[in-house]
Structures are given as C-alpha cells and as structure tokens.
Amino acid sequence: MSDEEDIGLSKEEEAKCWEAFSAFDKDSSGEIDANELRIVLEMMGQKTTEEEIFRMIAEADAENTGLIKYDQFKKVIAEQKKTQSLTNEEDTLDAFVALGGCPDKSGEIDAKKLIQIIKYDFEMTIDIEKLIEDVDDDNSGQIEYDEFRNLLSSSD
C-alpha cells in the first residue's frame, strides 16, 4: 500500500491531519497512543462518542500495540468523514420528507411553506427568501431535493 493511496481526504484535510498528528507525536516516532488519538480527533472537531473512539482505536491499532501510525490515523479520519457525510445526507433527506418531499428524493417542497416554517414557526432571522432565490434554479417556487440540499449547505 502506497502513501499516495486516495482515502477520500482533500490535500487541505490531509495537511490538517498531519499538523494535528505531529503536534502529539512529540518524539517524531510516527506514532501516537490511543489517548492522544482521542485528543487529536477532538482537536480536529470530530464529534465522537467513547464507543466510536474505542472502535476507531481497535481498527487503527489492529496489532493491539497501543500505538497508531500516521497512515492508520489518516484512515480513521477518512472513515469518520464518510460516516459524518452519510449522517448529514440522512438528516437532509429526513427534513426534505418532513416538509413534503418524497423518501426517494423526488417531489418538492413549496417555497412559501418553507418560508412560513422558517420565519414564523421557528422564528429564525435568516433571509430565507434570498436563500431560496439563490437555490431555486428553475424559479418554480418549488424546491426539489438537490435545491434543498444546496439551501442547507449555503446556510452554514
């Protein structure tokens, strides 16, 4: 297995991985211990439970040495990124369905209904009209799934 293997991290994410890993690899041995892995994950903003950390350590440290090499660490981060991405997608679909879309990502949400919910039910102060205008590519007043997903990602 080469170092150049694509595991789903951008160059920027890989640089952050190296920076975080290096901060804990004080003796430059190319390894950190399991407790340090947990701290590094938290430092990188990865939200993990104790069980998830235990599972990640078990996967990363298959030989049970108590030490994690940088390549193993990168795989843990890439796997965590995939898991979070899947969860976000599920949450987006759940919200789309709750607002009137279909579970197979077909259908649409009425823009007026979405504005009503955001402004009056949730009393949010974001400019939802502008966000809808930006994502409603066909100016239909109906928000399809891809437009809805773009709407959510533009309001971060």
N, C-alpha and C. Protein backbone atom coordinates (compact mmCIF):
# COMPACT_ATOMS: atom_id res chain seq x y z
N MET A 1 0.84 -1.18 0.00
CA MET A 1 0.00 0.00 0.00
C MET A 1 0.88 1.25 0.00
N SER A 2 0.64 2.13 -0.97
CA SER A 2 1.49 3.32 -1.09
C SER A 2 0.93 4.47 -0.27
N ASP A 3 1.79 5.44 0.00
CA ASP A 3 1.37 6.63 0.73
C ASP A 3 0.42 7.48 -0.09
N GLU A 4 0.46 7.32 -1.42
CA GLU A 4 -0.34 8.12 -2.32
C GLU A 4 -1.77 7.60 -2.48
N GLU A 5 -2.10 6.51 -1.80
CA GLU A 5 -3.44 5.93 -1.92
C GLU A 5 -4.50 6.96 -1.54
N ASP A 6 -5.52 7.10 -2.39
CA ASP A 6 -6.58 8.06 -2.13
C ASP A 6 -7.57 7.47 -1.15
N ILE A 7 -7.70 8.10 0.01
CA ILE A 7 -8.63 7.57 1.01
C ILE A 7 -9.78 8.54 1.25
N GLY A 8 -9.91 9.54 0.39
CA GLY A 8 -11.06 10.44 0.49
C GLY A 8 -10.82 11.72 1.26
N LEU A 9 -9.57 12.10 1.43
CA LEU A 9 -9.27 13.36 2.10
C LEU A 9 -8.69 14.34 1.09
N SER A 10 -9.09 15.61 1.19
CA SER A 10 -8.52 16.63 0.32
C SER A 10 -7.09 16.93 0.80
N LYS A 11 -6.33 17.62 -0.03
CA LYS A 11 -4.95 17.99 0.36
C LYS A 11 -4.99 18.84 1.63
N GLU A 12 -5.97 19.72 1.72
CA GLU A 12 -6.10 20.58 2.90
C GLU A 12 -6.40 19.75 4.15
N GLU A 13 -7.31 18.78 4.00
CA GLU A 13 -7.65 17.92 5.14
C GLU A 13 -6.45 17.07 5.54
N GLU A 14 -5.71 16.61 4.55
CA GLU A 14 -4.52 15.81 4.84
C GLU A 14 -3.47 16.65 5.58
N ALA A 15 -3.34 17.90 5.17
CA ALA A 15 -2.39 18.81 5.84
C ALA A 15 -2.81 19.02 7.30
N LYS A 16 -4.12 19.17 7.53
CA LYS A 16 -4.62 19.33 8.90
C LYS A 16 -4.38 18.06 9.72
N CYS A 17 -4.55 16.91 9.08
CA CYS A 17 -4.29 15.63 9.75
C CYS A 17 -2.84 15.58 10.21
N TRP A 18 -1.94 15.90 9.29
CA TRP A 18 -0.51 15.84 9.60
C TRP A 18 -0.15 16.82 10.72
N GLU A 19 -0.73 18.02 10.63
CA GLU A 19 -0.46 19.05 11.64
C GLU A 19 -0.92 18.57 13.02
N ALA A 20 -2.13 18.03 13.08
CA ALA A 20 -2.68 17.55 14.36
C ALA A 20 -1.89 16.36 14.87
N PHE A 21 -1.59 15.42 13.98
CA PHE A 21 -0.85 14.22 14.37
C PHE A 21 0.54 14.60 14.90
N SER A 22 1.20 15.48 14.15
CA SER A 22 2.57 15.89 14.52
C SER A 22 2.62 16.59 15.86
N ALA A 23 1.56 17.32 16.19
CA ALA A 23 1.52 18.04 17.46
C ALA A 23 1.60 17.07 18.64
N PHE A 24 1.12 15.85 18.44
CA PHE A 24 1.12 14.86 19.54
C PHE A 24 2.25 13.85 19.42
N ASP A 25 2.86 13.80 18.26
CA ASP A 25 3.98 12.88 18.06
C ASP A 25 5.26 13.59 18.47
N LYS A 26 5.39 13.83 19.78
CA LYS A 26 6.48 14.66 20.32
C LYS A 26 7.87 14.12 19.98
N ASP A 27 8.02 12.79 19.98
CA ASP A 27 9.35 12.23 19.72
C ASP A 27 9.57 11.92 18.23
N SER A 28 8.65 12.38 17.37
CA SER A 28 8.74 12.16 15.92
C SER A 28 8.91 10.70 15.54
N SER A 29 8.28 9.81 16.31
CA SER A 29 8.40 8.38 16.04
C SER A 29 7.44 7.93 14.94
N GLY A 30 6.49 8.82 14.57
CA GLY A 30 5.49 8.44 13.57
C GLY A 30 4.34 7.68 14.19
N GLU A 31 4.24 7.73 15.52
CA GLU A 31 3.17 7.02 16.23
C GLU A 31 2.64 7.87 17.37
N ILE A 32 1.35 7.72 17.64
CA ILE A 32 0.75 8.33 18.82
C ILE A 32 0.00 7.23 19.56
N ASP A 33 -0.30 7.47 20.84
CA ASP A 33 -1.04 6.43 21.56
C ASP A 33 -2.55 6.67 21.45
N ALA A 34 -3.31 5.73 21.91
CA ALA A 34 -4.76 5.75 21.78
C ALA A 34 -5.39 6.97 22.44
N ASN A 35 -4.91 7.34 23.61
CA ASN A 35 -5.45 8.50 24.30
C ASN A 35 -5.20 9.77 23.50
N GLU A 36 -4.01 9.86 22.90
CA GLU A 36 -3.68 11.02 22.07
C GLU A 36 -4.59 11.06 20.84
N LEU A 37 -4.94 9.90 20.30
CA LEU A 37 -5.84 9.84 19.15
C LEU A 37 -7.15 10.54 19.51
N ARG A 38 -7.69 10.22 20.66
CA ARG A 38 -8.95 10.83 21.09
C ARG A 38 -8.82 12.36 21.15
N ILE A 39 -7.72 12.84 21.73
CA ILE A 39 -7.49 14.28 21.86
C ILE A 39 -7.34 14.92 20.48
N VAL A 40 -6.61 14.26 19.58
CA VAL A 40 -6.41 14.79 18.23
C VAL A 40 -7.75 14.87 17.50
N LEU A 41 -8.57 13.83 17.62
CA LEU A 41 -9.88 13.84 16.96
C LEU A 41 -10.72 15.02 17.46
N GLU A 42 -10.72 15.22 18.76
CA GLU A 42 -11.48 16.33 19.33
C GLU A 42 -10.93 17.67 18.85
N MET A 43 -9.61 17.77 18.78
CA MET A 43 -8.95 18.98 18.31
C MET A 43 -9.34 19.31 16.87
N MET A 44 -9.55 18.25 16.08
CA MET A 44 -9.91 18.43 14.67
C MET A 44 -11.41 18.64 14.49
N GLY A 45 -12.13 18.70 15.61
CA GLY A 45 -13.56 18.96 15.53
C GLY A 45 -14.40 17.73 15.23
N GLN A 46 -13.82 16.54 15.35
CA GLN A 46 -14.57 15.30 15.12
C GLN A 46 -15.41 15.01 16.35
N LYS A 47 -16.70 14.90 16.16
CA LYS A 47 -17.60 14.60 17.27
C LYS A 47 -17.72 13.08 17.39
N THR A 48 -17.21 12.56 18.48
CA THR A 48 -17.20 11.10 18.64
C THR A 48 -17.59 10.71 20.05
N THR A 49 -18.25 9.57 20.16
CA THR A 49 -18.58 9.03 21.47
C THR A 49 -17.42 8.16 21.93
N GLU A 50 -17.43 7.77 23.20
CA GLU A 50 -16.39 6.88 23.72
C GLU A 50 -16.37 5.56 22.94
N GLU A 51 -17.58 5.04 22.62
CA GLU A 51 -17.65 3.77 21.87
C GLU A 51 -17.02 3.91 20.49
N GLU A 52 -17.33 5.04 19.81
CA GLU A 52 -16.76 5.27 18.48
C GLU A 52 -15.24 5.37 18.56
N ILE A 53 -14.75 6.06 19.56
CA ILE A 53 -13.30 6.18 19.72
C ILE A 53 -12.68 4.81 19.97
N PHE A 54 -13.31 4.01 20.82
CA PHE A 54 -12.81 2.66 21.10
C PHE A 54 -12.76 1.83 19.82
N ARG A 55 -13.85 1.93 19.01
CA ARG A 55 -13.91 1.19 17.74
C ARG A 55 -12.81 1.67 16.79
N MET A 56 -12.63 2.98 16.70
CA MET A 56 -11.60 3.53 15.81
C MET A 56 -10.21 3.09 16.22
N ILE A 57 -9.97 3.10 17.53
CA ILE A 57 -8.66 2.67 18.02
C ILE A 57 -8.44 1.20 17.69
N ALA A 58 -9.48 0.38 17.90
CA ALA A 58 -9.37 -1.05 17.60
C ALA A 58 -9.08 -1.28 16.12
N GLU A 59 -9.73 -0.49 15.24
CA GLU A 59 -9.49 -0.62 13.80
C GLU A 59 -8.11 -0.11 13.42
N ALA A 60 -7.72 1.03 14.00
CA ALA A 60 -6.43 1.64 13.65
C ALA A 60 -5.27 0.84 14.22
N ASP A 61 -5.48 0.25 15.38
CA ASP A 61 -4.41 -0.48 16.07
C ASP A 61 -4.72 -1.98 16.05
N ALA A 62 -4.80 -2.53 14.85
CA ALA A 62 -5.19 -3.93 14.69
C ALA A 62 -4.23 -4.88 15.42
N GLU A 63 -2.94 -4.51 15.51
CA GLU A 63 -1.96 -5.36 16.20
C GLU A 63 -2.02 -5.20 17.71
N ASN A 64 -2.85 -4.29 18.19
CA ASN A 64 -3.04 -4.05 19.62
C ASN A 64 -1.74 -3.64 20.31
N THR A 65 -1.02 -2.73 19.67
CA THR A 65 0.25 -2.26 20.24
C THR A 65 0.03 -1.06 21.17
N GLY A 66 -1.16 -0.45 21.08
CA GLY A 66 -1.41 0.76 21.86
C GLY A 66 -0.90 1.99 21.14
N LEU A 67 -0.35 1.79 19.95
CA LEU A 67 0.20 2.90 19.17
C LEU A 67 -0.46 2.97 17.80
N ILE A 68 -0.63 4.17 17.29
CA ILE A 68 -1.26 4.37 15.99
C ILE A 68 -0.30 5.13 15.10
N LYS A 69 -0.02 4.55 13.94
CA LYS A 69 0.86 5.18 12.96
C LYS A 69 0.07 6.22 12.17
N TYR A 70 0.79 7.12 11.49
CA TYR A 70 0.14 8.20 10.76
C TYR A 70 -0.81 7.67 9.68
N ASP A 71 -0.41 6.65 8.92
CA ASP A 71 -1.28 6.11 7.87
C ASP A 71 -2.57 5.57 8.46
N GLN A 72 -2.47 4.91 9.61
CA GLN A 72 -3.66 4.39 10.28
C GLN A 72 -4.54 5.56 10.74
N PHE A 73 -3.92 6.59 11.25
CA PHE A 73 -4.63 7.77 11.71
C PHE A 73 -5.41 8.41 10.56
N LYS A 74 -4.76 8.54 9.40
CA LYS A 74 -5.41 9.13 8.23
C LYS A 74 -6.65 8.33 7.83
N LYS A 75 -6.55 7.01 7.91
CA LYS A 75 -7.70 6.15 7.57
C LYS A 75 -8.84 6.38 8.54
N VAL A 76 -8.53 6.53 9.82
CA VAL A 76 -9.55 6.79 10.84
C VAL A 76 -10.28 8.10 10.50
N ILE A 77 -9.54 9.13 10.17
CA ILE A 77 -10.13 10.43 9.84
C ILE A 77 -11.00 10.32 8.59
N ALA A 78 -10.51 9.63 7.57
CA ALA A 78 -11.28 9.48 6.33
C ALA A 78 -12.58 8.71 6.58
N GLU A 79 -12.49 7.68 7.40
CA GLU A 79 -13.67 6.87 7.73
C GLU A 79 -14.69 7.71 8.51
N GLN A 80 -14.19 8.50 9.45
CA GLN A 80 -15.05 9.37 10.24
C GLN A 80 -15.74 10.40 9.34
N LYS A 81 -15.00 10.92 8.38
CA LYS A 81 -15.55 11.90 7.43
C LYS A 81 -16.69 11.26 6.63
N LYS A 82 -16.49 10.03 6.16
CA LYS A 82 -17.53 9.32 5.40
C LYS A 82 -18.77 9.11 6.25
N THR A 83 -18.58 8.66 7.48
CA THR A 83 -19.69 8.39 8.38
C THR A 83 -20.49 9.66 8.63
N GLN A 84 -19.80 10.78 8.88
CA GLN A 84 -20.49 12.04 9.13
C GLN A 84 -21.23 12.51 7.90
N SER A 85 -20.64 12.30 6.73
CA SER A 85 -21.27 12.70 5.48
C SER A 85 -22.57 11.92 5.26
N LEU A 86 -22.55 10.61 5.54
CA LEU A 86 -23.75 9.79 5.40
C LEU A 86 -24.84 10.24 6.37
N THR A 87 -24.46 10.55 7.60
CA THR A 87 -25.42 11.01 8.59
C THR A 87 -26.04 12.33 8.16
N ASN A 88 -25.23 13.25 7.64
CA ASN A 88 -25.74 14.53 7.18
C ASN A 88 -26.74 14.33 6.04
N GLU A 89 -26.43 13.43 5.13
CA GLU A 89 -27.31 13.14 4.00
C GLU A 89 -28.64 12.58 4.50
N GLU A 90 -28.60 11.69 5.47
CA GLU A 90 -29.83 11.11 6.04
C GLU A 90 -30.66 12.20 6.71
N ASP A 91 -30.01 13.09 7.45
CA ASP A 91 -30.72 14.19 8.12
C ASP A 91 -31.38 15.12 7.10
N THR A 92 -30.67 15.40 6.01
CA THR A 92 -31.21 16.25 4.95
C THR A 92 -32.44 15.61 4.33
N LEU A 93 -32.36 14.32 4.02
CA LEU A 93 -33.50 13.62 3.43
C LEU A 93 -34.68 13.59 4.40
N ASP A 94 -34.42 13.36 5.68
CA ASP A 94 -35.50 13.36 6.68
C ASP A 94 -36.21 14.71 6.71
N ALA A 95 -35.45 15.79 6.66
CA ALA A 95 -36.04 17.14 6.68
C ALA A 95 -36.83 17.38 5.40
N PHE A 96 -36.30 16.94 4.26
CA PHE A 96 -36.99 17.10 2.98
C PHE A 96 -38.34 16.40 3.00
N VAL A 97 -38.36 15.18 3.51
CA VAL A 97 -39.60 14.40 3.60
C VAL A 97 -40.59 15.07 4.57
N ALA A 98 -40.07 15.54 5.70
CA ALA A 98 -40.93 16.19 6.70
C ALA A 98 -41.61 17.44 6.14
N LEU A 99 -40.96 18.08 5.18
CA LEU A 99 -41.50 19.31 4.59
C LEU A 99 -42.35 19.04 3.35
N GLY A 100 -42.52 17.75 2.98
CA GLY A 100 -43.41 17.43 1.86
C GLY A 100 -42.77 16.71 0.70
N GLY A 101 -41.45 16.52 0.72
CA GLY A 101 -40.79 15.77 -0.34
C GLY A 101 -41.00 14.27 -0.16
N CYS A 102 -40.50 13.49 -1.09
CA CYS A 102 -40.65 12.03 -1.04
C CYS A 102 -39.34 11.37 -0.60
N PRO A 103 -39.44 10.20 0.06
CA PRO A 103 -38.23 9.50 0.54
C PRO A 103 -37.26 9.10 -0.58
N ASP A 104 -37.74 8.98 -1.83
CA ASP A 104 -36.84 8.63 -2.93
C ASP A 104 -36.20 9.87 -3.56
N LYS A 105 -36.31 11.00 -2.85
CA LYS A 105 -35.73 12.30 -3.25
C LYS A 105 -36.49 12.95 -4.40
N SER A 106 -37.66 12.40 -4.75
CA SER A 106 -38.49 13.05 -5.75
C SER A 106 -39.45 13.99 -5.01
N GLY A 107 -40.31 14.63 -5.76
CA GLY A 107 -41.24 15.56 -5.14
C GLY A 107 -40.56 16.88 -4.87
N GLU A 108 -41.28 17.73 -4.17
CA GLU A 108 -40.74 19.06 -3.91
C GLU A 108 -41.40 19.67 -2.68
N ILE A 109 -40.79 20.74 -2.23
CA ILE A 109 -41.29 21.49 -1.08
C ILE A 109 -41.77 22.83 -1.62
N ASP A 110 -42.92 23.27 -1.17
CA ASP A 110 -43.42 24.57 -1.57
C ASP A 110 -42.58 25.65 -0.88
N ALA A 111 -42.02 26.55 -1.66
CA ALA A 111 -41.14 27.60 -1.12
C ALA A 111 -41.88 28.46 -0.10
N LYS A 112 -43.14 28.78 -0.37
CA LYS A 112 -43.92 29.60 0.56
C LYS A 112 -44.07 28.89 1.91
N LYS A 113 -44.31 27.57 1.85
CA LYS A 113 -44.44 26.79 3.09
C LYS A 113 -43.12 26.82 3.87
N LEU A 114 -42.01 26.67 3.15
CA LEU A 114 -40.69 26.69 3.79
C LEU A 114 -40.43 28.05 4.45
N ILE A 115 -40.78 29.13 3.75
CA ILE A 115 -40.61 30.48 4.31
C ILE A 115 -41.46 30.61 5.58
N GLN A 116 -42.69 30.16 5.51
CA GLN A 116 -43.62 30.20 6.67
C GLN A 116 -42.99 29.49 7.88
N ILE A 117 -42.49 28.28 7.65
CA ILE A 117 -41.91 27.48 8.74
C ILE A 117 -40.67 28.15 9.33
N ILE A 118 -39.77 28.59 8.47
CA ILE A 118 -38.52 29.20 8.94
C ILE A 118 -38.78 30.49 9.71
N LYS A 119 -39.60 31.38 9.12
CA LYS A 119 -39.81 32.70 9.73
C LYS A 119 -40.76 32.69 10.92
N TYR A 120 -41.86 31.97 10.79
CA TYR A 120 -42.92 32.11 11.80
C TYR A 120 -42.96 30.95 12.80
N ASP A 121 -42.78 29.73 12.31
CA ASP A 121 -42.81 28.59 13.24
C ASP A 121 -41.52 28.53 14.05
N PHE A 122 -40.37 28.66 13.35
CA PHE A 122 -39.08 28.58 14.04
C PHE A 122 -38.55 29.95 14.45
N GLU A 123 -39.17 31.03 13.97
CA GLU A 123 -38.76 32.40 14.27
C GLU A 123 -37.28 32.65 14.03
N MET A 124 -36.79 32.11 12.91
CA MET A 124 -35.38 32.31 12.55
C MET A 124 -35.26 33.63 11.78
N THR A 125 -34.12 34.29 11.94
CA THR A 125 -33.93 35.61 11.32
C THR A 125 -33.12 35.56 10.02
N ILE A 126 -32.84 34.38 9.51
CA ILE A 126 -32.07 34.30 8.26
C ILE A 126 -32.94 34.81 7.11
N ASP A 127 -32.30 35.30 6.06
CA ASP A 127 -33.02 35.79 4.88
C ASP A 127 -33.36 34.59 4.00
N ILE A 128 -34.41 33.86 4.39
CA ILE A 128 -34.78 32.63 3.70
C ILE A 128 -35.23 32.90 2.26
N GLU A 129 -35.87 34.05 2.03
CA GLU A 129 -36.28 34.38 0.66
C GLU A 129 -35.07 34.46 -0.26
N LYS A 130 -34.02 35.11 0.21
CA LYS A 130 -32.79 35.26 -0.60
C LYS A 130 -32.16 33.88 -0.82
N LEU A 131 -32.10 33.05 0.22
CA LEU A 131 -31.52 31.72 0.08
C LEU A 131 -32.31 30.90 -0.94
N ILE A 132 -33.64 30.97 -0.86
CA ILE A 132 -34.47 30.22 -1.81
C ILE A 132 -34.25 30.75 -3.22
N GLU A 133 -34.20 32.07 -3.36
CA GLU A 133 -33.95 32.68 -4.67
C GLU A 133 -32.63 32.16 -5.26
N ASP A 134 -31.62 32.04 -4.42
CA ASP A 134 -30.30 31.57 -4.87
C ASP A 134 -30.30 30.11 -5.30
N VAL A 135 -31.13 29.27 -4.65
CA VAL A 135 -31.07 27.82 -4.97
C VAL A 135 -32.18 27.33 -5.89
N ASP A 136 -33.26 28.11 -6.04
CA ASP A 136 -34.38 27.68 -6.88
C ASP A 136 -34.01 27.94 -8.35
N ASP A 137 -33.19 27.03 -8.89
CA ASP A 137 -32.60 27.21 -10.21
C ASP A 137 -33.63 27.48 -11.31
N ASP A 138 -34.78 26.81 -11.24
CA ASP A 138 -35.77 26.96 -12.30
C ASP A 138 -36.86 27.99 -11.94
N ASN A 139 -36.67 28.72 -10.83
CA ASN A 139 -37.62 29.73 -10.37
C ASN A 139 -39.07 29.24 -10.34
N SER A 140 -39.22 27.98 -9.92
CA SER A 140 -40.55 27.36 -9.93
C SER A 140 -41.35 27.65 -8.66
N GLY A 141 -40.67 28.12 -7.62
CA GLY A 141 -41.35 28.29 -6.33
C GLY A 141 -41.48 26.95 -5.61
N GLN A 142 -40.93 25.92 -6.22
CA GLN A 142 -40.91 24.58 -5.65
C GLN A 142 -39.44 24.18 -5.46
N ILE A 143 -39.12 23.62 -4.32
CA ILE A 143 -37.74 23.26 -4.02
C ILE A 143 -37.58 21.75 -4.16
N GLU A 144 -36.82 21.34 -5.18
CA GLU A 144 -36.52 19.93 -5.37
C GLU A 144 -35.41 19.53 -4.39
N TYR A 145 -35.16 18.22 -4.29
CA TYR A 145 -34.21 17.72 -3.28
C TYR A 145 -32.82 18.35 -3.43
N ASP A 146 -32.28 18.38 -4.65
CA ASP A 146 -30.93 18.94 -4.83
C ASP A 146 -30.90 20.42 -4.44
N GLU A 147 -31.95 21.14 -4.76
CA GLU A 147 -32.02 22.55 -4.38
C GLU A 147 -32.10 22.67 -2.85
N PHE A 148 -32.87 21.78 -2.23
CA PHE A 148 -33.00 21.79 -0.76
C PHE A 148 -31.65 21.51 -0.10
N ARG A 149 -30.93 20.52 -0.62
CA ARG A 149 -29.60 20.20 -0.07
C ARG A 149 -28.67 21.40 -0.22
N ASN A 150 -28.71 22.07 -1.37
CA ASN A 150 -27.89 23.27 -1.57
C ASN A 150 -28.30 24.39 -0.62
N LEU A 151 -29.59 24.50 -0.38
CA LEU A 151 -30.10 25.51 0.55
C LEU A 151 -29.52 25.30 1.94
N LEU A 152 -29.52 24.04 2.40
CA LEU A 152 -28.99 23.74 3.74
C LEU A 152 -27.49 23.98 3.81
N SER A 153 -26.77 23.64 2.76
CA SER A 153 -25.32 23.81 2.82
C SER A 153 -24.93 25.28 2.67
N SER A 154 -25.79 26.11 2.08
CA SER A 154 -25.45 27.53 1.93
C SER A 154 -25.73 28.31 3.20
N SER A 155 -26.50 27.72 4.12
CA SER A 155 -26.82 28.47 5.34
C SER A 155 -25.90 28.13 6.49
N ASP A 156 -24.81 27.39 6.24
CA ASP A 156 -23.86 27.03 7.32
C ASP A 156 -23.12 28.24 7.83
